[in-house]
Amino acid sequence: MITLGVRSFTGSKFLPFEFDPDDNVSDVKEKIAKSPLCKGVKPMLEYNGLELADGRTLSYYGVKEPGVLHICE
């Protein structure tokens, strides 16, 4: 398990989440969607300037601690 920060689109909110590096991006988005950051809407996510695509894993993008996922529109 890795702990990653997730920052809201406006940057005003930041929450830590635990994920497995082999988690599918779609599952990560669903978990974040259930948080106060998204209010049930499945977000688009970026890591190091790359948009994370459903069907790929966090490890595919080299996501690791300490990392921050950014919610984007």
C-alpha atoms as a PDB file:
ATOM      1  CA  MET A   1       0.000   0.000   0.000  1.00  0.00           C
ATOM      2  CA  ILE A   2       1.073   3.561  -0.700  1.00  0.00           C
ATOM      3  CA  THR A   3      -0.292   6.780   0.742  1.00  0.00           C
ATOM      4  CA  LEU A   4      -0.947   9.510  -1.795  1.00  0.00           C
ATOM      5  CA  GLY A   5      -2.341  12.971  -1.387  1.00  0.00           C
ATOM      6  CA  VAL A   6      -5.243  14.039  -3.552  1.00  0.00           C
ATOM      7  CA  ARG A   7      -5.675  17.758  -4.222  1.00  0.00           C
ATOM      8  CA  SER A   8      -8.969  19.291  -5.319  1.00  0.00           C
ATOM      9  CA  PHE A   9      -9.291  21.148  -8.628  1.00  0.00           C
ATOM     10  CA  THR A  10      -9.137  24.526  -6.876  1.00  0.00           C
ATOM     11  CA  GLY A  11      -6.259  23.386  -4.680  1.00  0.00           C
ATOM     12  CA  SER A  12      -8.151  24.387  -1.551  1.00  0.00           C
ATOM     13  CA  LYS A  13      -8.691  20.812  -0.299  1.00  0.00           C
ATOM     14  CA  PHE A  14      -6.182  18.023   0.210  1.00  0.00           C
ATOM     15  CA  LEU A  15      -6.842  14.510   1.555  1.00  0.00           C
ATOM     16  CA  PRO A  16      -4.602  11.450   1.985  1.00  0.00           C
ATOM     17  CA  PHE A  17      -5.698   8.116   0.506  1.00  0.00           C
ATOM     18  CA  GLU A  18      -4.216   4.617   0.584  1.00  0.00           C
ATOM     19  CA  PHE A  19      -3.915   2.739  -2.682  1.00  0.00           C
ATOM     20  CA  ASP A  20      -2.142  -0.344  -3.992  1.00  0.00           C
ATOM     21  CA  PRO A  21       0.293   0.411  -6.841  1.00  0.00           C
ATOM     22  CA  ASP A  22      -1.543  -2.227  -8.912  1.00  0.00           C
ATOM     23  CA  ASP A  23      -4.928  -0.521  -8.457  1.00  0.00           C
ATOM     24  CA  ASN A  24      -6.690   0.312 -11.701  1.00  0.00           C
ATOM     25  CA  VAL A  25      -7.104   4.063 -12.309  1.00  0.00           C
ATOM     26  CA  SER A  26     -10.856   3.567 -12.676  1.00  0.00           C
ATOM     27  CA  ASP A  27     -11.022   2.068  -9.163  1.00  0.00           C
ATOM     28  CA  VAL A  28      -8.913   4.928  -7.801  1.00  0.00           C
ATOM     29  CA  LYS A  29     -11.302   7.448  -9.361  1.00  0.00           C
ATOM     30  CA  GLU A  30     -14.299   5.660  -7.824  1.00  0.00           C
ATOM     31  CA  LYS A  31     -12.713   5.748  -4.372  1.00  0.00           C
ATOM     32  CA  ILE A  32     -11.965   9.466  -4.699  1.00  0.00           C
ATOM     33  CA  ALA A  33     -15.480  10.125  -6.048  1.00  0.00           C
ATOM     34  CA  LYS A  34     -16.898   8.882  -2.724  1.00  0.00           C
ATOM     35  CA  SER A  35     -14.874  11.477  -0.802  1.00  0.00           C
ATOM     36  CA  PRO A  36     -15.788  15.087   0.048  1.00  0.00           C
ATOM     37  CA  LEU A  37     -13.423  16.204  -2.731  1.00  0.00           C
ATOM     38  CA  CYS A  38     -15.791  15.112  -5.520  1.00  0.00           C
ATOM     39  CA  LYS A  39     -19.282  14.701  -4.088  1.00  0.00           C
ATOM     40  CA  GLY A  40     -20.019  11.544  -6.105  1.00  0.00           C
ATOM     41  CA  VAL A  41     -18.629  12.711  -9.449  1.00  0.00           C
ATOM     42  CA  LYS A  42     -15.897  10.500 -10.929  1.00  0.00           C
ATOM     43  CA  PRO A  43     -12.908  12.840 -11.376  1.00  0.00           C
ATOM     44  CA  MET A  44     -10.275  13.190 -14.053  1.00  0.00           C
ATOM     45  CA  LEU A  45      -6.859  12.774 -12.438  1.00  0.00           C
ATOM     46  CA  GLU A  46      -3.354  13.962 -13.237  1.00  0.00           C
ATOM     47  CA  TYR A  47       0.004  12.845 -11.866  1.00  0.00           C
ATOM     48  CA  ASN A  48       3.162  14.755 -12.777  1.00  0.00           C
ATOM     49  CA  GLY A  49       1.304  16.493 -15.603  1.00  0.00           C
ATOM     50  CA  LEU A  50      -0.053  13.285 -17.144  1.00  0.00           C
ATOM     51  CA  GLU A  51      -3.769  12.536 -17.298  1.00  0.00           C
ATOM     52  CA  LEU A  52      -4.403   9.081 -15.823  1.00  0.00           C
ATOM     53  CA  ALA A  53      -6.448   6.862 -18.138  1.00  0.00           C
ATOM     54  CA  ASP A  54      -8.921   4.213 -17.047  1.00  0.00           C
ATOM     55  CA  GLY A  55      -7.631   0.721 -17.790  1.00  0.00           C
ATOM     56  CA  ARG A  56      -4.099   1.497 -16.590  1.00  0.00           C
ATOM     57  CA  THR A  57      -2.650   0.999 -13.118  1.00  0.00           C
ATOM     58  CA  LEU A  58      -0.959   3.465 -10.814  1.00  0.00           C
ATOM     59  CA  SER A  59       2.317   1.561 -11.244  1.00  0.00           C
ATOM     60  CA  TYR A  60       2.043   1.999 -15.043  1.00  0.00           C
ATOM     61  CA  TYR A  61       2.386   5.746 -14.454  1.00  0.00           C
ATOM     62  CA  GLY A  62       5.160   5.328 -11.893  1.00  0.00           C
ATOM     63  CA  VAL A  63       2.996   6.690  -9.079  1.00  0.00           C
ATOM     64  CA  LYS A  64       4.724   6.305  -5.728  1.00  0.00           C
ATOM     65  CA  GLU A  65       5.074   7.901  -2.306  1.00  0.00           C
ATOM     66  CA  PRO A  66       5.195  10.745  -1.614  1.00  0.00           C
ATOM     67  CA  GLY A  67       2.951  11.558  -4.529  1.00  0.00           C
ATOM     68  CA  VAL A  68       0.023  13.829  -5.191  1.00  0.00           C
ATOM     69  CA  LEU A  69      -2.840  13.173  -7.569  1.00  0.00           C
ATOM     70  CA  HIS A  70      -4.539  16.291  -8.887  1.00  0.00           C
ATOM     71  CA  ILE A  71      -8.219  16.455  -9.736  1.00  0.00           C
ATOM     72  CA  CYS A  72      -8.637  18.273 -13.051  1.00  0.00           C
ATOM     73  CA  GLU A  73     -11.575  19.322 -15.189  1.00  0.00           C
END
